[in-house]
Amino acid sequence: MARRVLLKLSGEGLCGPSAFGFDPDQVRAMGAEIAALPARGIEAAVVVGAGNLVRGRDLPADLVPRTAADAVGMLATTANALVLAEAIRRAGCPARVLTAVPMPDVAESFTADRARALMGEGEAVVLAGGTGRPFFTTDTAAALRALEVGAEVLLKATTVDGVYDRDPRRDPAAVRFERLSFEECIERRLGVMDMTAFTLCRENRLPVVVFALRPSGNLARAAAGEPVGTRIG
């Protein structure tokens, strides 16, 4: 079992079947699963995306330049983090939002020391604002923050139950891998995460577990080191 983990949660993990906004049942369920980790003695940080609200890269370039579009995405992750933190608190676990984009009236600014201290006190820490800089994805933010807070594993929650040799949604004959090395992922061009994030994990020997959010309990199983999804590294 890992002592400290970082969960990368996509914005879609908060919106349910509607594919946009917030699904109250989904948010409550996700908050409860994260809240259960500190209760099990696992220190937990979460980097949340914003796909349920807006992706900066999807905004038209002739309307919004990339730097501004990425700023919009970073602000959207903060909205998600605030909602998720409330759900974690209502599930009985203290939670704090730390953001890479300074907004003192809304949330504390991120520092690695502050995040580690809060995690050590049993709080779930929700990390918003991406890296705070344009041109980086929330996958890269997750890898960077995992290294900064000293996480032992990066848990990447998706809608698919692991890494396959091809898209299982298009090809029912696709084969799921239980374990992969970083080198195998590169050779097979599996596209687990963007290359910047992937390189950070590989160079720092940070294992990555790709798993499906559902059924309930998968997060706890992945954090406990049980064979769920695909382990890379």
C-alpha atoms as a PDB file:
ATOM      1  CA  MET A   1       0.000   0.000   0.000  1.00  0.00           C
ATOM      2  CA  ALA A   2       1.292   3.455  -0.891  1.00  0.00           C
ATOM      3  CA  ARG A   3       1.700   5.913   1.974  1.00  0.00           C
ATOM      4  CA  ARG A   4       1.101   8.977  -0.229  1.00  0.00           C
ATOM      5  CA  VAL A   5      -0.660   9.108  -3.605  1.00  0.00           C
ATOM      6  CA  LEU A   6      -1.632  11.677  -6.180  1.00  0.00           C
ATOM      7  CA  LEU A   7      -4.881  11.152  -8.072  1.00  0.00           C
ATOM      8  CA  LYS A   8      -5.282  12.704 -11.519  1.00  0.00           C
ATOM      9  CA  LEU A   9      -9.027  13.155 -11.976  1.00  0.00           C
ATOM     10  CA  SER A  10     -10.472  14.387 -15.236  1.00  0.00           C
ATOM     11  CA  GLY A  11     -13.272  16.912 -15.190  1.00  0.00           C
ATOM     12  CA  GLU A  12     -15.486  14.247 -16.751  1.00  0.00           C
ATOM     13  CA  GLY A  13     -15.260  12.408 -13.432  1.00  0.00           C
ATOM     14  CA  LEU A  14     -17.565  15.072 -11.968  1.00  0.00           C
ATOM     15  CA  CYS A  15     -20.191  15.404 -14.674  1.00  0.00           C
ATOM     16  CA  GLY A  16     -21.678  11.945 -15.073  1.00  0.00           C
ATOM     17  CA  PRO A  17     -23.555  10.982 -18.255  1.00  0.00           C
ATOM     18  CA  SER A  18     -24.462  14.578 -19.106  1.00  0.00           C
ATOM     19  CA  ALA A  19     -20.837  15.210 -20.206  1.00  0.00           C
ATOM     20  CA  PHE A  20     -21.050  18.797 -18.956  1.00  0.00           C
ATOM     21  CA  GLY A  21     -21.186  20.577 -15.624  1.00  0.00           C
ATOM     22  CA  PHE A  22     -21.665  18.741 -12.327  1.00  0.00           C
ATOM     23  CA  ASP A  23     -23.676  15.653 -11.553  1.00  0.00           C
ATOM     24  CA  PRO A  24     -24.461  15.846  -7.795  1.00  0.00           C
ATOM     25  CA  ASP A  25     -24.490  12.064  -7.319  1.00  0.00           C
ATOM     26  CA  GLN A  26     -21.198  11.677  -9.168  1.00  0.00           C
ATOM     27  CA  VAL A  27     -19.549  14.480  -7.197  1.00  0.00           C
ATOM     28  CA  ARG A  28     -20.740  13.040  -3.880  1.00  0.00           C
ATOM     29  CA  ALA A  29     -19.505   9.571  -4.810  1.00  0.00           C
ATOM     30  CA  MET A  30     -16.110  10.895  -5.878  1.00  0.00           C
ATOM     31  CA  GLY A  31     -15.791  12.963  -2.714  1.00  0.00           C
ATOM     32  CA  ALA A  32     -16.581   9.920  -0.571  1.00  0.00           C
ATOM     33  CA  GLU A  33     -13.991   7.760  -2.340  1.00  0.00           C
ATOM     34  CA  ILE A  34     -11.267  10.374  -1.885  1.00  0.00           C
ATOM     35  CA  ALA A  35     -12.292  10.980   1.738  1.00  0.00           C
ATOM     36  CA  ALA A  36     -11.845   7.260   2.449  1.00  0.00           C
ATOM     37  CA  LEU A  37      -8.122   7.360   1.622  1.00  0.00           C
ATOM     38  CA  PRO A  38      -6.878   9.350   4.660  1.00  0.00           C
ATOM     39  CA  ALA A  39      -9.159   7.199   6.822  1.00  0.00           C
ATOM     40  CA  ARG A  40      -7.130   4.220   5.572  1.00  0.00           C
ATOM     41  CA  GLY A  41      -3.846   5.938   6.401  1.00  0.00           C
ATOM     42  CA  ILE A  42      -3.137   7.032   2.810  1.00  0.00           C
ATOM     43  CA  GLU A  43      -2.172  10.676   2.312  1.00  0.00           C
ATOM     44  CA  ALA A  44      -3.990  11.985  -0.749  1.00  0.00           C
ATOM     45  CA  ALA A  45      -3.595  14.839  -3.223  1.00  0.00           C
ATOM     46  CA  VAL A  46      -5.811  15.348  -6.266  1.00  0.00           C
ATOM     47  CA  VAL A  47      -5.140  17.223  -9.495  1.00  0.00           C
ATOM     48  CA  VAL A  48      -8.432  17.857 -11.236  1.00  0.00           C
ATOM     49  CA  GLY A  49      -8.977  18.745 -14.878  1.00  0.00           C
ATOM     50  CA  ALA A  50     -11.721  20.875 -16.410  1.00  0.00           C
ATOM     51  CA  GLY A  51     -13.123  18.857 -19.306  1.00  0.00           C
ATOM     52  CA  ASN A  52     -16.627  19.065 -17.853  1.00  0.00           C
ATOM     53  CA  LEU A  53     -16.535  22.868 -18.120  1.00  0.00           C
ATOM     54  CA  VAL A  54     -14.061  23.947 -20.768  1.00  0.00           C
ATOM     55  CA  ARG A  55     -10.810  22.846 -22.351  1.00  0.00           C
ATOM     56  CA  GLY A  56      -8.636  25.767 -23.267  1.00  0.00           C
ATOM     57  CA  ARG A  57      -7.271  23.985 -26.324  1.00  0.00           C
ATOM     58  CA  ASP A  58     -10.810  23.655 -27.716  1.00  0.00           C
ATOM     59  CA  LEU A  59     -11.424  27.402 -27.835  1.00  0.00           C
ATOM     60  CA  PRO A  60     -11.053  28.804 -31.380  1.00  0.00           C
ATOM     61  CA  ALA A  61      -7.592  30.261 -31.966  1.00  0.00           C
ATOM     62  CA  ASP A  62      -9.079  33.093 -34.006  1.00  0.00           C
ATOM     63  CA  LEU A  63     -11.144  34.095 -30.967  1.00  0.00           C
ATOM     64  CA  VAL A  64      -8.846  33.451 -27.992  1.00  0.00           C
ATOM     65  CA  PRO A  65      -5.040  33.161 -28.185  1.00  0.00           C
ATOM     66  CA  ARG A  66      -3.510  30.045 -26.638  1.00  0.00           C
ATOM     67  CA  THR A  67      -2.180  31.803 -23.538  1.00  0.00           C
ATOM     68  CA  ALA A  68      -5.611  33.226 -22.694  1.00  0.00           C
ATOM     69  CA  ALA A  69      -7.353  29.960 -23.561  1.00  0.00           C
ATOM     70  CA  ASP A  70      -5.101  28.049 -21.186  1.00  0.00           C
ATOM     71  CA  ALA A  71      -5.818  30.625 -18.472  1.00  0.00           C
ATOM     72  CA  VAL A  72      -9.536  29.959 -18.942  1.00  0.00           C
ATOM     73  CA  GLY A  73      -8.888  26.240 -18.494  1.00  0.00           C
ATOM     74  CA  MET A  74      -6.828  26.818 -15.362  1.00  0.00           C
ATOM     75  CA  LEU A  75      -9.617  28.896 -13.819  1.00  0.00           C
ATOM     76  CA  ALA A  76     -12.112  26.148 -14.660  1.00  0.00           C
ATOM     77  CA  THR A  77     -10.004  23.601 -12.775  1.00  0.00           C
ATOM     78  CA  THR A  78     -10.272  25.840  -9.724  1.00  0.00           C
ATOM     79  CA  ALA A  79     -14.070  25.801  -9.955  1.00  0.00           C
ATOM     80  CA  ASN A  80     -13.949  22.005 -10.076  1.00  0.00           C
ATOM     81  CA  ALA A  81     -11.536  21.855  -7.154  1.00  0.00           C
ATOM     82  CA  LEU A  82     -13.794  23.984  -4.952  1.00  0.00           C
ATOM     83  CA  VAL A  83     -16.789  21.758  -5.667  1.00  0.00           C
ATOM     84  CA  LEU A  84     -14.800  18.556  -5.129  1.00  0.00           C
ATOM     85  CA  ALA A  85     -13.287  19.800  -1.864  1.00  0.00           C
ATOM     86  CA  GLU A  86     -16.766  20.495  -0.487  1.00  0.00           C
ATOM     87  CA  ALA A  87     -17.834  16.963  -1.391  1.00  0.00           C
ATOM     88  CA  ILE A  88     -14.796  15.545   0.399  1.00  0.00           C
ATOM     89  CA  ARG A  89     -15.576  17.590   3.517  1.00  0.00           C
ATOM     90  CA  ARG A  90     -19.202  16.462   3.511  1.00  0.00           C
ATOM     91  CA  ALA A  91     -17.934  12.888   3.385  1.00  0.00           C
ATOM     92  CA  GLY A  92     -16.143  13.495   6.684  1.00  0.00           C
ATOM     93  CA  CYS A  93     -12.578  14.327   5.643  1.00  0.00           C
ATOM     94  CA  PRO A  94     -11.003  17.790   5.913  1.00  0.00           C
ATOM     95  CA  ALA A  95      -9.963  19.114   2.518  1.00  0.00           C
ATOM     96  CA  ARG A  96      -8.068  22.115   1.234  1.00  0.00           C
ATOM     97  CA  VAL A  97      -7.806  23.686  -2.211  1.00  0.00           C
ATOM     98  CA  LEU A  98      -4.364  24.918  -3.211  1.00  0.00           C
ATOM     99  CA  THR A  99      -4.080  26.703  -6.526  1.00  0.00           C
ATOM    100  CA  ALA A 100      -1.185  27.488  -8.827  1.00  0.00           C
ATOM    101  CA  VAL A 101      -2.944  30.689  -9.904  1.00  0.00           C
ATOM    102  CA  PRO A 102      -2.977  33.183  -7.002  1.00  0.00           C
ATOM    103  CA  MET A 103      -6.513  34.047  -5.910  1.00  0.00           C
ATOM    104  CA  PRO A 104      -6.316  34.568  -2.130  1.00  0.00           C
ATOM    105  CA  ASP A 105     -10.023  35.248  -1.662  1.00  0.00           C
ATOM    106  CA  VAL A 106     -10.829  31.836  -3.143  1.00  0.00           C
ATOM    107  CA  ALA A 107      -8.059  29.408  -2.203  1.00  0.00           C
ATOM    108  CA  GLU A 108      -4.549  29.218  -0.817  1.00  0.00           C
ATOM    109  CA  SER A 109      -1.622  29.388  -3.210  1.00  0.00           C
ATOM    110  CA  PHE A 110       0.180  26.123  -3.823  1.00  0.00           C
ATOM    111  CA  THR A 111       3.549  25.392  -2.290  1.00  0.00           C
ATOM    112  CA  ALA A 112       4.929  21.889  -1.972  1.00  0.00           C
ATOM    113  CA  ASP A 113       5.717  22.434   1.709  1.00  0.00           C
ATOM    114  CA  ARG A 114       2.138  23.491   2.453  1.00  0.00           C
ATOM    115  CA  ALA A 115       0.674  20.574   0.529  1.00  0.00           C
ATOM    116  CA  ARG A 116       2.880  18.034   2.292  1.00  0.00           C
ATOM    117  CA  ALA A 117       2.091  19.512   5.701  1.00  0.00           C
ATOM    118  CA  LEU A 118      -1.665  19.360   5.123  1.00  0.00           C
ATOM    119  CA  MET A 119      -1.481  15.822   3.806  1.00  0.00           C
ATOM    120  CA  GLY A 120       0.541  14.802   6.835  1.00  0.00           C
ATOM    121  CA  GLU A 121      -2.244  16.175   9.040  1.00  0.00           C
ATOM    122  CA  GLY A 122      -4.826  13.970   7.332  1.00  0.00           C
ATOM    123  CA  GLU A 123      -6.329  16.535   4.960  1.00  0.00           C
ATOM    124  CA  ALA A 124      -7.097  15.723   1.361  1.00  0.00           C
ATOM    125  CA  VAL A 125      -5.449  18.356  -0.822  1.00  0.00           C
ATOM    126  CA  VAL A 126      -7.091  19.349  -4.109  1.00  0.00           C
ATOM    127  CA  LEU A 127      -4.596  21.034  -6.426  1.00  0.00           C
ATOM    128  CA  ALA A 128      -6.057  23.472  -8.948  1.00  0.00           C
ATOM    129  CA  GLY A 129      -4.808  25.793 -11.653  1.00  0.00           C
ATOM    130  CA  GLY A 130      -2.702  23.259 -13.514  1.00  0.00           C
ATOM    131  CA  THR A 131       0.946  24.286 -13.439  1.00  0.00           C
ATOM    132  CA  GLY A 132      -0.032  27.947 -13.404  1.00  0.00           C
ATOM    133  CA  ARG A 133       1.534  28.434 -16.827  1.00  0.00           C
ATOM    134  CA  PRO A 134       0.147  28.071 -20.363  1.00  0.00           C
ATOM    135  CA  PHE A 135       1.099  25.283 -22.785  1.00  0.00           C
ATOM    136  CA  PHE A 136       1.032  22.557 -20.113  1.00  0.00           C
ATOM    137  CA  THR A 137      -1.715  19.982 -19.652  1.00  0.00           C
ATOM    138  CA  THR A 138      -3.220  18.838 -16.364  1.00  0.00           C
ATOM    139  CA  ASP A 139      -1.448  15.505 -16.969  1.00  0.00           C
ATOM    140  CA  THR A 140       1.831  17.407 -16.746  1.00  0.00           C
ATOM    141  CA  ALA A 141       0.547  19.255 -13.683  1.00  0.00           C
ATOM    142  CA  ALA A 142      -0.286  15.900 -12.073  1.00  0.00           C
ATOM    143  CA  ALA A 143       3.181  14.478 -12.749  1.00  0.00           C
ATOM    144  CA  LEU A 144       4.875  17.644 -11.511  1.00  0.00           C
ATOM    145  CA  ARG A 145       2.780  17.894  -8.343  1.00  0.00           C
ATOM    146  CA  ALA A 146       3.202  14.185  -7.600  1.00  0.00           C
ATOM    147  CA  LEU A 147       6.964  14.660  -7.608  1.00  0.00           C
ATOM    148  CA  GLU A 148       6.786  17.870  -5.575  1.00  0.00           C
ATOM    149  CA  VAL A 149       4.656  16.378  -2.790  1.00  0.00           C
ATOM    150  CA  GLY A 150       6.569  13.097  -2.731  1.00  0.00           C
ATOM    151  CA  ALA A 151       3.779  10.822  -3.932  1.00  0.00           C
ATOM    152  CA  GLU A 152       4.765   7.179  -4.314  1.00  0.00           C
ATOM    153  CA  VAL A 153       2.425   6.603  -7.247  1.00  0.00           C
ATOM    154  CA  LEU A 154       0.375   8.646  -9.712  1.00  0.00           C
ATOM    155  CA  LEU A 155      -3.149   7.259 -10.042  1.00  0.00           C
ATOM    156  CA  LYS A 156      -4.711   8.279 -13.350  1.00  0.00           C
ATOM    157  CA  ALA A 157      -8.473   7.763 -13.280  1.00  0.00           C
ATOM    158  CA  THR A 158     -10.154   7.365 -16.672  1.00  0.00           C
ATOM    159  CA  THR A 159     -13.327   6.022 -18.242  1.00  0.00           C
ATOM    160  CA  VAL A 160     -11.428   2.931 -19.470  1.00  0.00           C
ATOM    161  CA  ASP A 161     -10.209   0.143 -17.180  1.00  0.00           C
ATOM    162  CA  GLY A 162      -6.537   0.370 -18.109  1.00  0.00           C
ATOM    163  CA  VAL A 163      -4.202   0.665 -21.076  1.00  0.00           C
ATOM    164  CA  TYR A 164      -5.024  -1.324 -24.224  1.00  0.00           C
ATOM    165  CA  ASP A 165      -3.074  -2.110 -27.371  1.00  0.00           C
ATOM    166  CA  ARG A 166      -5.780  -0.216 -29.290  1.00  0.00           C
ATOM    167  CA  ASP A 167      -8.985   1.651 -28.512  1.00  0.00           C
ATOM    168  CA  PRO A 168     -11.339  -0.857 -26.824  1.00  0.00           C
ATOM    169  CA  ARG A 169     -14.318   1.389 -27.554  1.00  0.00           C
ATOM    170  CA  ARG A 170     -13.763   0.882 -31.262  1.00  0.00           C
ATOM    171  CA  ASP A 171     -12.298  -2.618 -31.299  1.00  0.00           C
ATOM    172  CA  PRO A 172     -13.758  -5.260 -28.958  1.00  0.00           C
ATOM    173  CA  ALA A 173     -10.703  -7.440 -29.650  1.00  0.00           C
ATOM    174  CA  ALA A 174      -8.380  -4.903 -27.988  1.00  0.00           C
ATOM    175  CA  VAL A 175      -6.094  -6.411 -25.340  1.00  0.00           C
ATOM    176  CA  ARG A 176      -5.581  -4.799 -21.926  1.00  0.00           C
ATOM    177  CA  PHE A 177      -2.129  -4.743 -20.367  1.00  0.00           C
ATOM    178  CA  GLU A 178      -1.708  -5.466 -16.651  1.00  0.00           C
ATOM    179  CA  ARG A 179       1.862  -4.116 -16.476  1.00  0.00           C
ATOM    180  CA  LEU A 180       4.029  -2.069 -18.833  1.00  0.00           C
ATOM    181  CA  SER A 181       7.404  -0.406 -18.694  1.00  0.00           C
ATOM    182  CA  PHE A 182       7.769   3.219 -19.738  1.00  0.00           C
ATOM    183  CA  GLU A 183       9.860   2.026 -22.677  1.00  0.00           C
ATOM    184  CA  GLU A 184       7.116  -0.336 -23.862  1.00  0.00           C
ATOM    185  CA  CYS A 185       4.585   2.512 -23.775  1.00  0.00           C
ATOM    186  CA  ILE A 186       6.850   4.623 -25.970  1.00  0.00           C
ATOM    187  CA  GLU A 187       7.650   1.791 -28.395  1.00  0.00           C
ATOM    188  CA  ARG A 188       3.972   0.900 -28.776  1.00  0.00           C
ATOM    189  CA  ARG A 189       2.897   4.574 -28.940  1.00  0.00           C
ATOM    190  CA  LEU A 190       0.160   3.925 -26.416  1.00  0.00           C
ATOM    191  CA  GLY A 191      -0.495   7.577 -25.570  1.00  0.00           C
ATOM    192  CA  VAL A 192      -1.022   7.078 -21.838  1.00  0.00           C
ATOM    193  CA  MET A 193      -0.485  10.786 -21.178  1.00  0.00           C
ATOM    194  CA  ASP A 194       1.216  13.687 -22.902  1.00  0.00           C
ATOM    195  CA  MET A 195       4.932  13.245 -23.480  1.00  0.00           C
ATOM    196  CA  THR A 196       6.018  15.945 -21.022  1.00  0.00           C
ATOM    197  CA  ALA A 197       4.105  14.263 -18.195  1.00  0.00           C
ATOM    198  CA  PHE A 198       5.263  10.832 -19.278  1.00  0.00           C
ATOM    199  CA  THR A 199       8.903  11.917 -19.391  1.00  0.00           C
ATOM    200  CA  LEU A 200       8.696  13.413 -15.891  1.00  0.00           C
ATOM    201  CA  CYS A 201       7.385  10.118 -14.534  1.00  0.00           C
ATOM    202  CA  ARG A 202       9.894   7.979 -16.411  1.00  0.00           C
ATOM    203  CA  GLU A 203      12.952  10.045 -15.504  1.00  0.00           C
ATOM    204  CA  ASN A 204      11.958  10.150 -11.831  1.00  0.00           C
ATOM    205  CA  ARG A 205      10.808   6.525 -11.668  1.00  0.00           C
ATOM    206  CA  LEU A 206       7.333   7.500 -10.568  1.00  0.00           C
ATOM    207  CA  PRO A 207       4.952   4.608 -11.288  1.00  0.00           C
ATOM    208  CA  VAL A 208       1.626   5.348 -12.926  1.00  0.00           C
ATOM    209  CA  VAL A 209      -1.551   3.313 -12.498  1.00  0.00           C
ATOM    210  CA  VAL A 210      -4.240   3.847 -15.145  1.00  0.00           C
ATOM    211  CA  PHE A 211      -7.629   2.599 -13.983  1.00  0.00           C
ATOM    212  CA  ALA A 212     -11.367   3.161 -14.360  1.00  0.00           C
ATOM    213  CA  LEU A 213     -13.230   5.255 -11.794  1.00  0.00           C
ATOM    214  CA  ARG A 214     -16.037   2.735 -11.767  1.00  0.00           C
ATOM    215  CA  PRO A 215     -17.005   0.485 -10.141  1.00  0.00           C
ATOM    216  CA  SER A 216     -16.923   2.138  -6.752  1.00  0.00           C
ATOM    217  CA  GLY A 217     -13.897   1.093  -4.718  1.00  0.00           C
ATOM    218  CA  ASN A 218     -11.409   1.100  -7.595  1.00  0.00           C
ATOM    219  CA  LEU A 219      -9.621   4.144  -6.208  1.00  0.00           C
ATOM    220  CA  ALA A 220      -9.040   2.490  -2.834  1.00  0.00           C
ATOM    221  CA  ARG A 221      -7.891  -0.697  -4.554  1.00  0.00           C
ATOM    222  CA  ALA A 222      -5.443   1.172  -6.779  1.00  0.00           C
ATOM    223  CA  ALA A 223      -4.053   3.130  -3.818  1.00  0.00           C
ATOM    224  CA  ALA A 224      -3.647  -0.098  -1.863  1.00  0.00           C
ATOM    225  CA  GLY A 225      -1.565  -1.594  -4.658  1.00  0.00           C
ATOM    226  CA  GLU A 226      -4.144  -4.175  -5.689  1.00  0.00           C
ATOM    227  CA  PRO A 227      -4.123  -5.327  -9.331  1.00  0.00           C
ATOM    228  CA  VAL A 228      -6.573  -2.875 -10.833  1.00  0.00           C
ATOM    229  CA  GLY A 229      -6.085  -1.278 -14.258  1.00  0.00           C
ATOM    230  CA  THR A 230      -2.590  -1.085 -15.752  1.00  0.00           C
ATOM    231  CA  ARG A 231       0.583  -0.338 -13.796  1.00  0.00           C
ATOM    232  CA  ILE A 232       3.382   1.441 -15.670  1.00  0.00           C
ATOM    233  CA  GLY A 233       6.924   1.622 -14.356  1.00  0.00           C
END
